[in-house]
């Protein structure tokens, strides 16, 4: 064998051994790279800011109105403003869906009895060939009129005062009710219910009527 080749082979083996001894051998001083270590490596100012944020207690909810007190007593996390905001959206959505006859889109927000009442009204309207039009101008007020806890359910009755343009036409297209050029002030009283302690935040419409 060529002496030069033997020298290169020996040199390669020596280099490989040195690399292994430096990179491959474990000394017992290795430390696992953990998230806690990276967190501890942050500047002191950042750590103190984070600690202050984590230690800051949650802001208490504002007091509720007298009619809503049974709801707060049963559920300390009950937020009246958030509930009213949701009720306003639900009211407009449900009224518009009922007017158009699209009950499928709101079925999950209706109790069985309310759904059946709406379904029968829509069926009767369709049978007579009538068509209803509605335009929401806006909701003036929405407030909890009464509340209670009954059979393990939170129950809230809400008074809505809204401006709507409503009109109904017969199968020939003649106006038989309402006025498309008039804004009506509409008063409704709806009752919503939700199981106490339920993880589902949605409330169900269980009763409708005029305020």
N, C-alpha and C. Protein backbone atom coordinates (compact mmCIF):
# COMPACT_ATOMS: atom_id res chain seq x y z
N UNK A 1 0.86 -1.19 0.00
CA UNK A 1 0.00 0.00 0.00
C UNK A 1 0.89 1.24 0.00
N UNK A 2 0.41 2.27 -0.70
CA UNK A 2 1.17 3.53 -0.79
C UNK A 2 1.33 4.13 0.59
N UNK A 3 2.58 4.44 1.03
CA UNK A 3 2.82 5.03 2.36
C UNK A 3 2.07 6.32 2.57
N UNK A 4 1.92 7.09 1.46
CA UNK A 4 1.18 8.37 1.59
C UNK A 4 -0.27 8.13 1.95
N UNK A 5 -0.88 7.11 1.33
CA UNK A 5 -2.29 6.79 1.60
C UNK A 5 -2.47 6.35 3.04
N UNK A 6 -1.47 5.58 3.54
CA UNK A 6 -1.55 5.12 4.93
C UNK A 6 -1.53 6.31 5.88
N UNK A 7 -0.72 7.31 5.57
CA UNK A 7 -0.63 8.50 6.43
C UNK A 7 -1.96 9.25 6.46
N UNK A 8 -2.61 9.38 5.26
CA UNK A 8 -3.90 10.09 5.20
C UNK A 8 -4.97 9.34 5.99
N UNK A 9 -4.96 8.02 5.92
CA UNK A 9 -5.96 7.22 6.65
C UNK A 9 -5.77 7.41 8.14
N UNK A 10 -4.53 7.38 8.60
CA UNK A 10 -4.25 7.54 10.03
C UNK A 10 -4.63 8.93 10.49
N UNK A 11 -4.38 9.94 9.64
CA UNK A 11 -4.71 11.32 10.01
C UNK A 11 -6.22 11.50 10.12
N UNK A 12 -6.95 10.90 9.19
CA UNK A 12 -8.42 10.99 9.22
C UNK A 12 -8.96 10.33 10.48
N UNK A 13 -8.41 9.18 10.84
CA UNK A 13 -8.87 8.49 12.05
C UNK A 13 -8.60 9.32 13.28
N UNK A 14 -7.44 9.99 13.33
CA UNK A 14 -7.09 10.82 14.48
C UNK A 14 -8.03 12.02 14.61
N UNK A 15 -8.34 12.66 13.48
CA UNK A 15 -9.25 13.82 13.49
C UNK A 15 -10.64 13.39 13.94
N UNK A 16 -11.11 12.26 13.43
CA UNK A 16 -12.44 11.76 13.81
C UNK A 16 -12.50 11.49 15.30
N UNK A 17 -11.43 10.92 15.85
CA UNK A 17 -11.39 10.62 17.28
C UNK A 17 -11.44 11.89 18.10
N UNK A 18 -10.70 12.93 17.65
CA UNK A 18 -10.68 14.19 18.40
C UNK A 18 -12.05 14.86 18.36
N UNK A 19 -12.72 14.82 17.21
CA UNK A 19 -14.06 15.40 17.11
C UNK A 19 -15.02 14.68 18.05
N UNK A 20 -14.96 13.38 18.09
CA UNK A 20 -15.84 12.61 18.98
C UNK A 20 -15.56 12.93 20.43
N UNK A 21 -14.28 13.07 20.76
CA UNK A 21 -13.93 13.33 22.16
C UNK A 21 -14.42 14.69 22.60
N UNK A 22 -14.51 15.64 21.66
CA UNK A 22 -14.95 17.00 22.01
C UNK A 22 -16.46 17.14 21.94
N UNK A 23 -17.08 16.62 20.86
CA UNK A 23 -18.51 16.84 20.61
C UNK A 23 -19.38 15.70 21.11
N UNK A 24 -18.86 14.49 21.11
CA UNK A 24 -19.72 13.36 21.41
C UNK A 24 -19.69 12.93 22.84
N UNK A 25 -18.62 13.21 23.55
CA UNK A 25 -18.52 12.72 24.92
C UNK A 25 -19.37 13.56 25.85
N UNK A 26 -19.99 13.00 26.86
CA UNK A 26 -20.79 13.70 27.85
C UNK A 26 -19.98 13.84 29.13
N UNK A 27 -19.97 15.01 29.69
CA UNK A 27 -19.17 15.28 30.88
C UNK A 27 -19.97 15.24 32.15
N UNK A 28 -21.32 15.16 32.02
CA UNK A 28 -22.16 15.18 33.22
C UNK A 28 -22.56 16.59 33.60
N UNK A 29 -22.11 17.61 32.84
CA UNK A 29 -22.46 19.00 33.13
C UNK A 29 -23.57 19.51 32.22
N UNK A 30 -24.09 18.67 31.29
CA UNK A 30 -25.12 19.13 30.37
C UNK A 30 -26.41 19.41 31.13
N UNK A 31 -27.15 20.47 30.70
CA UNK A 31 -28.42 20.83 31.34
C UNK A 31 -29.51 20.88 30.28
N UNK A 32 -30.64 20.34 30.56
CA UNK A 32 -31.73 20.37 29.58
C UNK A 32 -32.18 21.80 29.32
N UNK A 33 -32.56 22.07 28.06
CA UNK A 33 -33.05 23.40 27.69
C UNK A 33 -34.55 23.43 27.94
N UNK A 34 -34.97 24.12 28.96
CA UNK A 34 -36.39 24.14 29.31
C UNK A 34 -36.94 25.55 29.18
N UNK A 35 -38.26 25.63 29.07
CA UNK A 35 -38.93 26.91 28.93
C UNK A 35 -38.68 27.77 30.16
N UNK A 36 -38.66 27.15 31.35
CA UNK A 36 -38.45 27.91 32.58
C UNK A 36 -37.10 28.62 32.53
N UNK A 37 -36.11 27.95 32.00
CA UNK A 37 -34.79 28.56 31.89
C UNK A 37 -34.81 29.76 30.97
N UNK A 38 -35.53 29.64 29.84
CA UNK A 38 -35.63 30.77 28.93
C UNK A 38 -36.38 31.93 29.57
N UNK A 39 -37.39 31.61 30.37
CA UNK A 39 -38.14 32.66 31.06
C UNK A 39 -37.26 33.36 32.07
N UNK A 40 -36.43 32.57 32.79
CA UNK A 40 -35.55 33.16 33.80
C UNK A 40 -34.48 34.04 33.18
N UNK A 41 -34.22 33.81 31.88
CA UNK A 41 -33.18 34.58 31.21
C UNK A 41 -33.67 35.95 30.77
N UNK A 42 -34.96 36.25 30.92
CA UNK A 42 -35.48 37.55 30.52
C UNK A 42 -34.94 38.65 31.42
N UNK A 43 -34.87 39.87 30.92
CA UNK A 43 -34.42 40.98 31.76
C UNK A 43 -35.31 41.14 32.98
N UNK A 44 -34.74 41.67 34.05
CA UNK A 44 -35.48 41.81 35.30
C UNK A 44 -36.73 42.66 35.10
N UNK A 45 -36.63 43.74 34.28
CA UNK A 45 -37.78 44.61 34.08
C UNK A 45 -38.95 43.86 33.46
N UNK A 46 -38.64 42.98 32.47
CA UNK A 46 -39.70 42.21 31.82
C UNK A 46 -40.33 41.24 32.80
N UNK A 47 -39.51 40.59 33.63
CA UNK A 47 -40.05 39.66 34.62
C UNK A 47 -40.96 40.39 35.59
N UNK A 48 -40.52 41.57 36.06
CA UNK A 48 -41.34 42.31 37.03
C UNK A 48 -42.65 42.76 36.42
N UNK A 49 -42.64 43.18 35.15
CA UNK A 49 -43.86 43.62 34.48
C UNK A 49 -44.84 42.46 34.34
N UNK A 50 -44.31 41.28 33.96
CA UNK A 50 -45.17 40.12 33.83
C UNK A 50 -45.75 39.71 35.18
N UNK A 51 -44.93 39.73 36.21
CA UNK A 51 -45.40 39.35 37.54
C UNK A 51 -46.50 40.29 38.01
N UNK A 52 -46.34 41.60 37.72
CA UNK A 52 -47.36 42.56 38.13
C UNK A 52 -48.67 42.31 37.40
N UNK A 53 -48.57 41.95 36.09
CA UNK A 53 -49.78 41.68 35.31
C UNK A 53 -50.49 40.44 35.83
N UNK A 54 -49.71 39.38 36.13
CA UNK A 54 -50.32 38.15 36.62
C UNK A 54 -50.93 38.34 38.01
N UNK A 55 -50.30 39.19 38.81
CA UNK A 55 -50.78 39.37 40.18
C UNK A 55 -51.98 40.29 40.25
N UNK A 56 -52.24 41.06 39.17
CA UNK A 56 -53.35 42.01 39.19
C UNK A 56 -54.68 41.26 39.27
N UNK A 57 -55.49 41.51 40.27
CA UNK A 57 -56.76 40.80 40.41
C UNK A 57 -57.75 41.22 39.33
N UNK A 58 -58.66 40.30 39.01
CA UNK A 58 -59.68 40.60 38.02
C UNK A 58 -60.59 41.71 38.54
N UNK A 59 -60.96 42.62 37.65
CA UNK A 59 -61.81 43.72 38.06
C UNK A 59 -63.21 43.19 38.38
N UNK A 60 -63.79 43.64 39.48
CA UNK A 60 -65.13 43.17 39.83
C UNK A 60 -66.15 43.67 38.82
N UNK A 61 -67.19 42.90 38.60
CA UNK A 61 -68.24 43.30 37.68
C UNK A 61 -69.04 44.46 38.29
N UNK A 62 -69.55 45.34 37.47
CA UNK A 62 -70.36 46.44 38.00
C UNK A 62 -71.65 45.91 38.61
N UNK A 63 -72.27 46.64 39.50
CA UNK A 63 -73.54 46.20 40.09
C UNK A 63 -74.61 46.04 39.02
N UNK A 64 -75.57 45.20 39.29
CA UNK A 64 -76.67 44.99 38.35
C UNK A 64 -77.88 45.80 38.80
N UNK A 65 -78.85 45.95 37.91
CA UNK A 65 -80.09 46.63 38.26
C UNK A 65 -80.89 45.77 39.22
N UNK A 66 -81.84 46.39 39.91
CA UNK A 66 -82.65 45.65 40.89
C UNK A 66 -83.36 44.45 40.26
N UNK A 67 -83.96 44.58 39.05
CA UNK A 67 -84.64 43.42 38.46
C UNK A 67 -83.69 42.26 38.13
N UNK A 68 -82.40 42.55 38.00
CA UNK A 68 -81.43 41.50 37.63
C UNK A 68 -80.74 40.88 38.83
N UNK A 69 -81.03 41.36 40.02
CA UNK A 69 -80.33 40.87 41.21
C UNK A 69 -80.47 39.36 41.43
N UNK A 70 -81.62 38.74 41.16
CA UNK A 70 -81.70 37.27 41.32
C UNK A 70 -80.70 36.53 40.42
N UNK A 71 -80.41 37.09 39.25
CA UNK A 71 -79.46 36.44 38.34
C UNK A 71 -78.04 36.54 38.88
N UNK A 72 -77.67 37.71 39.41
CA UNK A 72 -76.34 37.88 39.98
C UNK A 72 -76.17 37.03 41.23
N UNK A 73 -77.24 36.92 42.04
CA UNK A 73 -77.16 36.12 43.26
C UNK A 73 -76.93 34.65 42.94
N UNK A 74 -77.55 34.18 41.85
CA UNK A 74 -77.41 32.77 41.47
C UNK A 74 -76.12 32.52 40.70
N UNK A 75 -75.67 33.53 39.96
CA UNK A 75 -74.46 33.40 39.15
C UNK A 75 -73.62 34.66 39.33
N UNK A 76 -72.61 34.62 40.21
CA UNK A 76 -71.79 35.80 40.48
C UNK A 76 -71.08 36.34 39.23
N UNK A 77 -70.97 35.54 38.18
CA UNK A 77 -70.30 35.98 36.96
C UNK A 77 -71.28 36.61 35.97
N UNK A 78 -72.54 36.75 36.35
CA UNK A 78 -73.53 37.33 35.44
C UNK A 78 -73.20 38.79 35.16
N UNK A 79 -73.05 39.12 33.89
CA UNK A 79 -72.72 40.47 33.44
C UNK A 79 -73.95 41.04 32.74
N UNK A 80 -74.61 41.97 33.39
CA UNK A 80 -75.88 42.49 32.85
C UNK A 80 -75.68 43.20 31.52
N UNK A 81 -74.64 43.99 31.39
CA UNK A 81 -74.42 44.72 30.14
C UNK A 81 -74.18 43.76 28.98
N UNK A 82 -73.33 42.77 29.20
CA UNK A 82 -73.06 41.80 28.15
C UNK A 82 -74.33 41.03 27.78
N UNK A 83 -75.12 40.72 28.79
CA UNK A 83 -76.38 40.00 28.53
C UNK A 83 -77.33 40.86 27.69
N UNK A 84 -77.47 42.13 28.04
CA UNK A 84 -78.37 43.02 27.30
C UNK A 84 -77.88 43.19 25.86
N UNK A 85 -76.57 43.34 25.69
CA UNK A 85 -76.03 43.46 24.33
C UNK A 85 -76.36 42.23 23.50
N UNK A 86 -76.22 41.05 24.10
CA UNK A 86 -76.56 39.82 23.39
C UNK A 86 -78.04 39.71 23.10
N UNK A 87 -78.87 40.17 24.05
CA UNK A 87 -80.32 40.10 23.87
C UNK A 87 -80.77 41.02 22.74
N UNK A 88 -80.16 42.18 22.64
CA UNK A 88 -80.50 43.11 21.57
C UNK A 88 -80.20 42.48 20.20
N UNK A 89 -79.03 41.85 20.09
CA UNK A 89 -78.70 41.20 18.84
C UNK A 89 -79.63 40.04 18.52
N UNK A 90 -79.97 39.26 19.55
CA UNK A 90 -80.87 38.13 19.35
C UNK A 90 -82.26 38.60 18.94
N UNK A 91 -82.73 39.68 19.56
CA UNK A 91 -84.07 40.21 19.25
C UNK A 91 -84.17 40.59 17.77
N UNK A 92 -83.21 41.36 17.31
CA UNK A 92 -83.24 41.79 15.90
C UNK A 92 -83.11 40.60 14.96
N UNK A 93 -82.20 39.68 15.27
CA UNK A 93 -82.00 38.50 14.43
C UNK A 93 -83.27 37.66 14.33
N UNK A 94 -83.91 37.42 15.47
CA UNK A 94 -85.09 36.55 15.50
C UNK A 94 -86.28 37.20 14.80
N UNK A 95 -86.49 38.50 15.04
CA UNK A 95 -87.61 39.19 14.38
C UNK A 95 -87.44 39.18 12.86
N UNK A 96 -86.24 39.46 12.40
CA UNK A 96 -86.00 39.47 10.96
C UNK A 96 -86.16 38.08 10.35
N UNK A 97 -85.67 37.05 11.05
CA UNK A 97 -85.79 35.69 10.54
C UNK A 97 -87.24 35.24 10.50
N UNK A 98 -88.02 35.61 11.51
CA UNK A 98 -89.45 35.27 11.52
C UNK A 98 -90.17 35.95 10.37
N UNK A 99 -89.86 37.21 10.13
CA UNK A 99 -90.51 37.95 9.06
C UNK A 99 -90.23 37.33 7.70
N UNK A 100 -88.98 36.88 7.50
CA UNK A 100 -88.62 36.27 6.23
C UNK A 100 -89.01 34.80 6.14
N UNK A 101 -89.40 34.21 7.27
CA UNK A 101 -89.77 32.80 7.28
C UNK A 101 -88.60 31.85 7.42
N UNK A 102 -87.42 32.39 7.72
CA UNK A 102 -86.22 31.57 7.85
C UNK A 102 -86.04 31.13 9.30
N UNK A 103 -86.83 30.16 9.73
CA UNK A 103 -86.75 29.71 11.12
C UNK A 103 -85.57 28.77 11.36
N UNK A 104 -85.05 28.19 10.31
CA UNK A 104 -83.94 27.25 10.46
C UNK A 104 -82.72 27.94 11.07
N UNK A 105 -82.48 29.18 10.67
CA UNK A 105 -81.29 29.88 11.13
C UNK A 105 -81.36 30.26 12.61
N UNK A 106 -82.56 30.27 13.18
CA UNK A 106 -82.71 30.68 14.58
C UNK A 106 -83.23 29.55 15.47
N UNK A 107 -83.35 28.36 14.93
CA UNK A 107 -83.95 27.25 15.67
C UNK A 107 -83.27 27.01 17.01
N UNK A 108 -81.94 27.11 17.06
CA UNK A 108 -81.23 26.78 18.29
C UNK A 108 -81.43 27.82 19.39
N UNK A 109 -81.99 28.99 19.03
CA UNK A 109 -82.23 30.02 20.03
C UNK A 109 -83.66 29.98 20.57
N UNK A 110 -84.50 29.07 20.06
CA UNK A 110 -85.91 29.03 20.42
C UNK A 110 -86.25 27.77 21.21
N UNK A 111 -87.09 27.93 22.22
CA UNK A 111 -87.62 26.74 22.91
C UNK A 111 -88.56 26.02 21.96
N UNK A 112 -88.92 24.81 22.28
CA UNK A 112 -89.80 24.04 21.42
C UNK A 112 -91.14 24.73 21.23
N UNK A 113 -91.71 25.27 22.31
CA UNK A 113 -93.02 25.91 22.21
C UNK A 113 -92.98 27.17 21.36
N UNK A 114 -91.95 27.98 21.52
CA UNK A 114 -91.83 29.20 20.71
C UNK A 114 -91.60 28.84 19.25
N UNK A 115 -90.76 27.84 19.01
CA UNK A 115 -90.51 27.42 17.64
C UNK A 115 -91.81 26.97 16.97
N UNK A 116 -92.61 26.19 17.67
CA UNK A 116 -93.87 25.70 17.08
C UNK A 116 -94.83 26.85 16.82
N UNK A 117 -94.88 27.83 17.70
CA UNK A 117 -95.75 29.00 17.49
C UNK A 117 -95.30 29.78 16.26
N UNK A 118 -94.01 30.02 16.13
CA UNK A 118 -93.48 30.71 14.96
C UNK A 118 -93.74 29.92 13.69
N UNK A 119 -93.52 28.62 13.76
CA UNK A 119 -93.70 27.77 12.58
C UNK A 119 -95.14 27.80 12.10
N UNK A 120 -96.10 27.73 13.03
CA UNK A 120 -97.51 27.75 12.66
C UNK A 120 -97.89 29.10 12.05
N UNK A 121 -97.35 30.18 12.60
CA UNK A 121 -97.66 31.52 12.07
C UNK A 121 -97.11 31.69 10.66
N UNK A 122 -95.90 31.21 10.43
CA UNK A 122 -95.30 31.30 9.10
C UNK A 122 -96.08 30.44 8.12
N UNK A 123 -96.49 29.25 8.56
CA UNK A 123 -97.25 28.35 7.68
C UNK A 123 -98.59 28.98 7.30
N UNK A 124 -99.27 29.60 8.26
CA UNK A 124 -100.55 30.25 7.98
C UNK A 124 -100.36 31.42 7.02
N UNK A 125 -99.31 32.17 7.21
CA UNK A 125 -99.03 33.31 6.33
C UNK A 125 -98.76 32.83 4.90
N UNK A 126 -97.98 31.77 4.78
CA UNK A 126 -97.68 31.23 3.45
C UNK A 126 -98.93 30.65 2.79
N UNK A 127 -99.76 30.02 3.58
CA UNK A 127 -100.99 29.41 3.03
C UNK A 127 -101.91 30.46 2.45
N UNK A 128 -101.97 31.62 3.10
CA UNK A 128 -102.83 32.71 2.62
C UNK A 128 -102.17 33.53 1.51
N UNK A 129 -100.92 33.21 1.24
CA UNK A 129 -100.22 33.94 0.18
C UNK A 129 -99.78 35.33 0.60
N UNK A 130 -99.71 35.57 1.90
CA UNK A 130 -99.30 36.89 2.38
C UNK A 130 -97.77 36.99 2.43
N UNK A 131 -97.28 38.21 2.33
CA UNK A 131 -95.85 38.47 2.40
C UNK A 131 -95.60 39.61 3.38
N UNK A 132 -94.64 39.41 4.26
CA UNK A 132 -94.33 40.42 5.27
C UNK A 132 -92.97 41.03 4.99
N UNK A 133 -92.90 42.35 5.11
CA UNK A 133 -91.64 43.08 4.96
C UNK A 133 -91.34 43.80 6.26
N UNK A 134 -90.07 43.87 6.62
CA UNK A 134 -89.68 44.56 7.85
C UNK A 134 -88.30 45.18 7.67
N UNK A 135 -88.17 46.40 8.16
CA UNK A 135 -86.87 47.06 8.20
C UNK A 135 -86.64 47.56 9.62
N UNK A 136 -85.51 47.16 10.21
CA UNK A 136 -85.16 47.62 11.55
C UNK A 136 -84.52 48.99 11.44
N UNK A 137 -85.08 49.98 12.12
CA UNK A 137 -84.46 51.29 12.19
C UNK A 137 -83.48 51.33 13.36
N UNK A 138 -83.86 50.66 14.44
CA UNK A 138 -82.97 50.58 15.60
C UNK A 138 -83.73 50.27 16.87
N UNK A 139 -82.99 49.77 17.86
CA UNK A 139 -83.57 49.47 19.17
C UNK A 139 -83.28 50.65 20.09
N UNK A 140 -84.32 51.27 20.59
CA UNK A 140 -84.14 52.43 21.47
C UNK A 140 -83.68 52.00 22.87
N UNK A 141 -84.39 51.03 23.43
CA UNK A 141 -84.02 50.57 24.77
C UNK A 141 -84.25 49.06 24.88
N UNK A 142 -83.47 48.46 25.75
CA UNK A 142 -83.66 47.05 26.11
C UNK A 142 -83.23 46.94 27.57
N UNK A 143 -84.11 46.47 28.41
CA UNK A 143 -83.81 46.40 29.84
C UNK A 143 -84.45 45.17 30.45
N UNK A 144 -83.83 44.67 31.50
CA UNK A 144 -84.39 43.53 32.22
C UNK A 144 -85.54 44.04 33.08
N UNK A 145 -86.72 43.50 32.85
CA UNK A 145 -87.90 43.90 33.61
C UNK A 145 -88.09 43.03 34.84
N UNK A 146 -87.66 41.78 34.77
CA UNK A 146 -87.81 40.86 35.89
C UNK A 146 -86.90 39.67 35.65
N UNK A 147 -86.53 38.98 36.71
CA UNK A 147 -85.72 37.78 36.59
C UNK A 147 -85.97 36.87 37.78
N UNK A 148 -85.59 35.61 37.60
CA UNK A 148 -85.75 34.63 38.68
C UNK A 148 -84.93 33.40 38.36
N UNK A 149 -84.84 32.54 39.34
CA UNK A 149 -84.23 31.22 39.16
C UNK A 149 -85.35 30.21 39.39
N UNK A 150 -85.59 29.38 38.39
CA UNK A 150 -86.71 28.45 38.47
C UNK A 150 -86.32 27.10 37.85
N UNK A 151 -86.51 26.05 38.62
CA UNK A 151 -86.22 24.69 38.14
C UNK A 151 -84.80 24.57 37.59
N UNK A 152 -83.84 25.19 38.28
CA UNK A 152 -82.46 25.09 37.87
C UNK A 152 -82.10 25.94 36.66
N UNK A 153 -82.96 26.89 36.30
CA UNK A 153 -82.73 27.75 35.14
C UNK A 153 -82.74 29.22 35.55
N UNK A 154 -81.84 29.99 34.93
CA UNK A 154 -81.90 31.44 35.04
C UNK A 154 -82.95 31.93 34.05
N UNK A 155 -83.84 32.78 34.50
CA UNK A 155 -84.93 33.27 33.65
C UNK A 155 -84.93 34.79 33.69
N UNK A 156 -84.87 35.42 32.53
CA UNK A 156 -84.84 36.88 32.45
C UNK A 156 -85.89 37.37 31.46
N UNK A 157 -86.71 38.31 31.89
CA UNK A 157 -87.71 38.93 31.03
C UNK A 157 -87.22 40.31 30.63
N UNK A 158 -87.21 40.58 29.34
CA UNK A 158 -86.66 41.83 28.82
C UNK A 158 -87.72 42.62 28.07
N UNK A 159 -87.77 43.93 28.33
CA UNK A 159 -88.62 44.84 27.57
C UNK A 159 -87.80 45.49 26.47
N UNK A 160 -88.27 45.35 25.24
CA UNK A 160 -87.62 45.97 24.08
C UNK A 160 -88.49 47.10 23.56
N UNK A 161 -87.87 48.20 23.21
CA UNK A 161 -88.54 49.31 22.56
C UNK A 161 -87.75 49.61 21.29
N UNK A 162 -88.36 49.36 20.14
CA UNK A 162 -87.62 49.49 18.89
C UNK A 162 -88.43 50.24 17.84
N UNK A 163 -87.71 50.75 16.86
CA UNK A 163 -88.33 51.42 15.71
C UNK A 163 -88.24 50.50 14.51
N UNK A 164 -89.41 50.21 13.93
CA UNK A 164 -89.45 49.29 12.80
C UNK A 164 -90.39 49.83 11.72
N UNK A 165 -90.08 49.48 10.50
CA UNK A 165 -90.97 49.75 9.37
C UNK A 165 -91.55 48.41 8.97
N UNK A 166 -92.86 48.25 9.15
CA UNK A 166 -93.49 46.95 8.92
C UNK A 166 -94.65 47.08 7.94
N UNK A 167 -94.77 46.09 7.08
CA UNK A 167 -95.88 46.07 6.13
C UNK A 167 -96.16 44.64 5.70
N UNK A 168 -97.43 44.37 5.44
CA UNK A 168 -97.85 43.03 5.02
C UNK A 168 -98.69 43.17 3.76
N UNK A 169 -98.47 42.27 2.79
CA UNK A 169 -99.15 42.32 1.50
C UNK A 169 -99.89 41.01 1.25
N UNK A 170 -101.01 41.10 0.52
CA UNK A 170 -101.73 39.89 0.18
C UNK A 170 -101.10 39.25 -1.06
N UNK A 171 -101.70 38.15 -1.53
CA UNK A 171 -101.09 37.42 -2.64
C UNK A 171 -101.13 38.20 -3.95
N UNK A 172 -101.98 39.24 -3.99
CA UNK A 172 -102.04 40.08 -5.18
C UNK A 172 -101.05 41.24 -5.10
N UNK A 173 -100.37 41.36 -3.94
CA UNK A 173 -99.40 42.43 -3.77
C UNK A 173 -99.97 43.69 -3.16
N UNK A 174 -101.25 43.65 -2.73
CA UNK A 174 -101.86 44.83 -2.14
C UNK A 174 -101.49 44.93 -0.66
N UNK A 175 -101.26 46.13 -0.20
CA UNK A 175 -100.92 46.37 1.20
C UNK A 175 -102.15 46.12 2.07
N UNK A 176 -102.04 45.24 3.05
CA UNK A 176 -103.18 44.95 3.92
C UNK A 176 -102.91 45.31 5.38
N UNK A 177 -101.67 45.59 5.72
CA UNK A 177 -101.33 45.95 7.10
C UNK A 177 -100.02 46.70 7.13
N UNK A 178 -99.94 47.70 8.01
CA UNK A 178 -98.71 48.46 8.14
C UNK A 178 -98.59 49.53 7.08
N UNK A 179 -97.41 50.15 7.02
CA UNK A 179 -97.16 51.23 6.07
C UNK A 179 -95.65 51.28 5.79
N UNK A 180 -95.23 51.03 4.55
CA UNK A 180 -93.80 51.02 4.23
C UNK A 180 -93.14 52.39 4.36
N UNK A 181 -93.95 53.44 4.54
CA UNK A 181 -93.40 54.79 4.68
C UNK A 181 -93.50 55.30 6.11
N UNK A 182 -93.86 54.43 7.04
CA UNK A 182 -94.05 54.86 8.43
C UNK A 182 -93.16 54.06 9.36
N UNK A 183 -92.60 54.74 10.34
CA UNK A 183 -91.80 54.07 11.36
C UNK A 183 -92.69 53.84 12.58
N UNK A 184 -92.82 52.58 12.97
CA UNK A 184 -93.63 52.23 14.14
C UNK A 184 -92.75 52.04 15.36
N UNK A 185 -93.25 52.50 16.50
CA UNK A 185 -92.58 52.25 17.77
C UNK A 185 -93.16 50.95 18.33
N UNK A 186 -92.34 49.92 18.40
CA UNK A 186 -92.81 48.58 18.77
C UNK A 186 -92.32 48.22 20.16
N UNK A 187 -93.25 47.76 21.01
CA UNK A 187 -92.90 47.33 22.35
C UNK A 187 -93.08 45.82 22.46
N UNK A 188 -92.06 45.14 22.87
CA UNK A 188 -92.11 43.69 23.03
C UNK A 188 -91.55 43.31 24.40
N UNK A 189 -92.09 42.24 24.95
CA UNK A 189 -91.57 41.67 26.19
C UNK A 189 -91.26 40.21 25.93
N UNK A 190 -89.98 39.88 25.95
CA UNK A 190 -89.54 38.52 25.69
C UNK A 190 -88.87 37.95 26.93
N UNK A 191 -88.99 36.63 27.06
CA UNK A 191 -88.38 35.94 28.20
C UNK A 191 -87.36 34.92 27.70
N UNK A 192 -86.16 35.00 28.27
CA UNK A 192 -85.07 34.10 27.91
C UNK A 192 -84.71 33.22 29.11
N UNK A 193 -84.18 32.04 28.83
CA UNK A 193 -83.83 31.10 29.89
C UNK A 193 -82.51 30.40 29.55
N UNK A 194 -81.77 30.04 30.60
CA UNK A 194 -80.53 29.29 30.43
C UNK A 194 -80.30 28.43 31.65
N UNK A 195 -79.87 27.17 31.48
CA UNK A 195 -79.60 26.31 32.65
C UNK A 195 -78.52 26.91 33.52
N UNK A 196 -78.74 26.92 34.82
CA UNK A 196 -77.76 27.46 35.76
C UNK A 196 -76.51 26.59 35.73
N UNK A 197 -75.35 27.22 35.56
CA UNK A 197 -74.09 26.49 35.54
C UNK A 197 -73.75 25.88 34.20
N UNK A 198 -74.54 26.15 33.16
CA UNK A 198 -74.26 25.57 31.85
C UNK A 198 -73.04 26.22 31.23
N UNK A 199 -72.24 25.41 30.51
CA UNK A 199 -71.06 25.94 29.82
C UNK A 199 -71.46 26.65 28.54
N UNK A 200 -72.68 26.42 28.07
CA UNK A 200 -73.17 27.07 26.86
C UNK A 200 -73.66 28.47 27.22
N UNK A 201 -73.05 29.52 26.64
CA UNK A 201 -73.44 30.88 27.02
C UNK A 201 -74.76 31.34 26.41
N UNK A 202 -75.29 30.59 25.44
CA UNK A 202 -76.50 31.01 24.75
C UNK A 202 -77.74 30.85 25.62
N UNK A 203 -78.61 31.86 25.52
CA UNK A 203 -79.90 31.82 26.19
C UNK A 203 -80.96 31.41 25.17
N UNK A 204 -82.05 30.82 25.66
CA UNK A 204 -83.12 30.35 24.79
C UNK A 204 -84.36 31.20 24.99
N UNK A 205 -84.97 31.61 23.88
CA UNK A 205 -86.22 32.38 23.95
C UNK A 205 -87.36 31.44 24.30
N UNK A 206 -88.02 31.68 25.45
CA UNK A 206 -89.05 30.76 25.92
C UNK A 206 -90.44 31.38 25.90
N UNK A 207 -90.55 32.70 25.68
CA UNK A 207 -91.86 33.34 25.63
C UNK A 207 -91.75 34.69 24.94
N UNK A 208 -92.80 35.07 24.20
CA UNK A 208 -92.85 36.37 23.54
C UNK A 208 -94.20 37.02 23.86
N UNK A 209 -94.23 38.33 23.74
CA UNK A 209 -95.47 39.05 23.97
C UNK A 209 -95.24 40.55 23.90
N UNK A 210 -96.30 41.33 23.92
CA UNK A 210 -96.18 42.78 23.89
C UNK A 210 -95.92 43.32 25.28
N UNK A 211 -95.14 44.37 25.35
CA UNK A 211 -94.80 44.96 26.64
C UNK A 211 -95.96 45.80 27.17
